[in-house]
Amino acid sequence: MNSEKNMLMFAPGWFQEIATTSEEDEKRDLLCYLSDTHKALHGVRARWFTMEDSIEYLRQAADDMQQEMLDEIEWERKQAHERMLEANKHAAAVRRAKKALPKTFKPFANLMEII
């Protein structure tokens, strides 16, 4: 984490400010970020990070978790796009199926030839 970087994304469009005034404040903010973001991604809190961990370790873990969040956002965006394409295909098929038949349509005209 760079010295000028004090914001980390924990959900799409949501950021947490990381205080860099003291190492203790930064560790506390990083621990909150890691816990909250891990819960958002995996459904459980990351309780294995502690204040005894080095600041470098916590910074790297936070950067890695933020990258995982960005990857998850990109994957969800692709999934939403695929669902939209599938819904468009379905809507087009329904429109074709509901299209009025021509008045000259005679479905059983060649029935004897088929049988």
Protein backbone atom coordinates (compact mmCIF):
# COMPACT_ATOMS: atom_id res chain seq x y z
CA MET A 1 0.00 0.00 0.00
CA ASN A 2 1.50 3.33 -1.05
CA SER A 3 1.72 6.22 1.40
CA GLU A 4 -0.73 8.28 -0.68
CA LYS A 5 -3.17 5.36 -0.89
CA ASN A 6 -5.59 5.55 1.99
CA MET A 7 -8.79 4.20 0.44
CA LEU A 8 -9.59 0.54 -0.20
CA MET A 9 -12.65 -0.84 -1.99
CA PHE A 10 -14.65 -3.30 0.09
CA ALA A 11 -17.71 -3.57 -2.16
CA PRO A 12 -18.70 -2.25 -5.60
CA GLY A 13 -18.69 1.52 -5.26
CA TRP A 14 -17.87 1.44 -1.53
CA PHE A 15 -14.55 2.44 -0.07
CA GLN A 16 -13.04 2.40 3.40
CA GLU A 17 -10.60 5.05 4.46
CA ILE A 18 -7.44 3.72 6.08
CA ALA A 19 -5.97 6.15 8.62
CA THR A 20 -2.21 6.46 8.23
CA THR A 21 -1.67 8.81 11.19
CA SER A 22 -0.17 6.06 13.33
CA GLU A 23 0.73 2.41 12.85
CA GLU A 24 -1.86 1.36 15.45
CA ASP A 25 -4.66 3.30 13.70
CA GLU A 26 -3.62 1.89 10.33
CA LYS A 27 -3.53 -1.67 11.69
CA ARG A 28 -6.97 -1.25 13.27
CA ASP A 29 -8.43 0.08 10.00
CA LEU A 30 -6.74 -2.67 7.96
CA LEU A 31 -8.10 -5.34 10.32
CA CYS A 32 -11.62 -3.94 9.93
CA TYR A 33 -11.19 -3.80 6.16
CA LEU A 34 -9.88 -7.38 5.97
CA SER A 35 -12.67 -8.71 8.17
CA ASP A 36 -15.48 -6.87 6.35
CA THR A 37 -14.19 -7.57 2.85
CA HIS A 38 -13.55 -11.26 3.55
CA LYS A 39 -17.12 -11.54 4.88
CA ALA A 40 -18.46 -9.87 1.72
CA LEU A 41 -16.48 -12.22 -0.52
CA HIS A 42 -16.68 -15.52 1.38
CA GLY A 43 -19.48 -15.20 3.94
CA VAL A 44 -17.23 -15.49 7.01
CA ARG A 45 -15.05 -12.98 8.79
CA ALA A 46 -11.25 -13.26 8.55
CA ARG A 47 -10.46 -13.51 12.27
CA TRP A 48 -6.91 -14.82 11.81
CA PHE A 49 -5.48 -11.34 11.23
CA THR A 50 -4.45 -9.69 14.52
CA MET A 51 -2.79 -6.54 15.86
CA GLU A 52 0.36 -8.66 16.42
CA ASP A 53 0.78 -9.09 12.63
CA SER A 54 3.29 -6.77 10.97
CA ILE A 55 1.98 -3.69 9.21
CA GLU A 56 3.60 -4.86 5.96
CA TYR A 57 1.79 -8.20 6.18
CA LEU A 58 -1.56 -6.50 6.79
CA ARG A 59 -0.98 -4.03 3.95
CA GLN A 60 -0.16 -6.85 1.54
CA ALA A 61 -3.17 -8.88 2.69
CA ALA A 62 -5.42 -5.83 2.20
CA ASP A 63 -4.03 -5.20 -1.29
CA ASP A 64 -4.55 -8.87 -2.18
CA MET A 65 -8.10 -8.82 -0.84
CA GLN A 66 -8.90 -5.63 -2.74
CA GLN A 67 -7.65 -7.29 -5.95
CA GLU A 68 -9.85 -10.30 -5.18
CA MET A 69 -12.81 -7.91 -4.75
CA LEU A 70 -12.03 -6.22 -8.09
CA ASP A 71 -11.82 -9.63 -9.78
CA GLU A 72 -15.17 -10.62 -8.23
CA ILE A 73 -16.76 -7.39 -9.47
CA GLU A 74 -15.47 -8.02 -12.99
CA TRP A 75 -16.76 -11.63 -12.91
CA GLU A 76 -20.19 -10.47 -11.72
CA ARG A 77 -20.27 -7.85 -14.48
CA LYS A 78 -19.58 -10.55 -17.09
CA GLN A 79 -22.24 -12.81 -15.59
CA ALA A 80 -24.81 -10.00 -15.71
CA HIS A 81 -23.93 -9.34 -19.35
CA GLU A 82 -24.37 -13.02 -20.24
CA ARG A 83 -27.76 -13.10 -18.44
CA MET A 84 -28.83 -9.99 -20.39
CA LEU A 85 -27.83 -11.59 -23.70
CA GLU A 86 -29.75 -14.76 -22.80
CA ALA A 87 -32.83 -12.71 -21.84
CA ASN A 88 -32.62 -10.85 -25.17
CA LYS A 89 -32.47 -14.15 -27.08
CA HIS A 90 -35.49 -15.41 -25.16
CA ALA A 91 -37.45 -12.19 -25.81
CA ALA A 92 -36.66 -12.40 -29.54
CA ALA A 93 -37.85 -16.03 -29.65
CA VAL A 94 -41.08 -15.10 -27.87
CA ARG A 95 -41.69 -12.23 -30.31
CA ARG A 96 -41.16 -14.59 -33.27
CA ALA A 97 -43.50 -17.17 -31.72
CA LYS A 98 -46.24 -14.58 -31.19
CA LYS A 99 -45.97 -13.19 -34.70
CA ALA A 100 -49.29 -13.46 -36.50
CA LEU A 101 -49.53 -16.18 -39.12
CA PRO A 102 -50.45 -15.21 -42.68
CA LYS A 103 -54.14 -15.62 -43.55
CA THR A 104 -53.19 -18.15 -46.23
CA PHE A 105 -51.54 -20.45 -43.66
CA LYS A 106 -53.00 -23.95 -43.96
CA PRO A 107 -51.21 -26.28 -41.54
CA PHE A 108 -52.97 -29.47 -42.69
CA ALA A 109 -52.89 -28.81 -46.43
CA ASN A 110 -50.40 -31.62 -47.12
CA LEU A 111 -51.57 -34.00 -44.41
CA MET A 112 -52.28 -36.85 -46.80
CA GLU A 113 -48.76 -36.62 -48.25
CA ILE A 114 -47.22 -36.74 -44.77
CA ILE A 115 -49.24 -39.79 -43.69
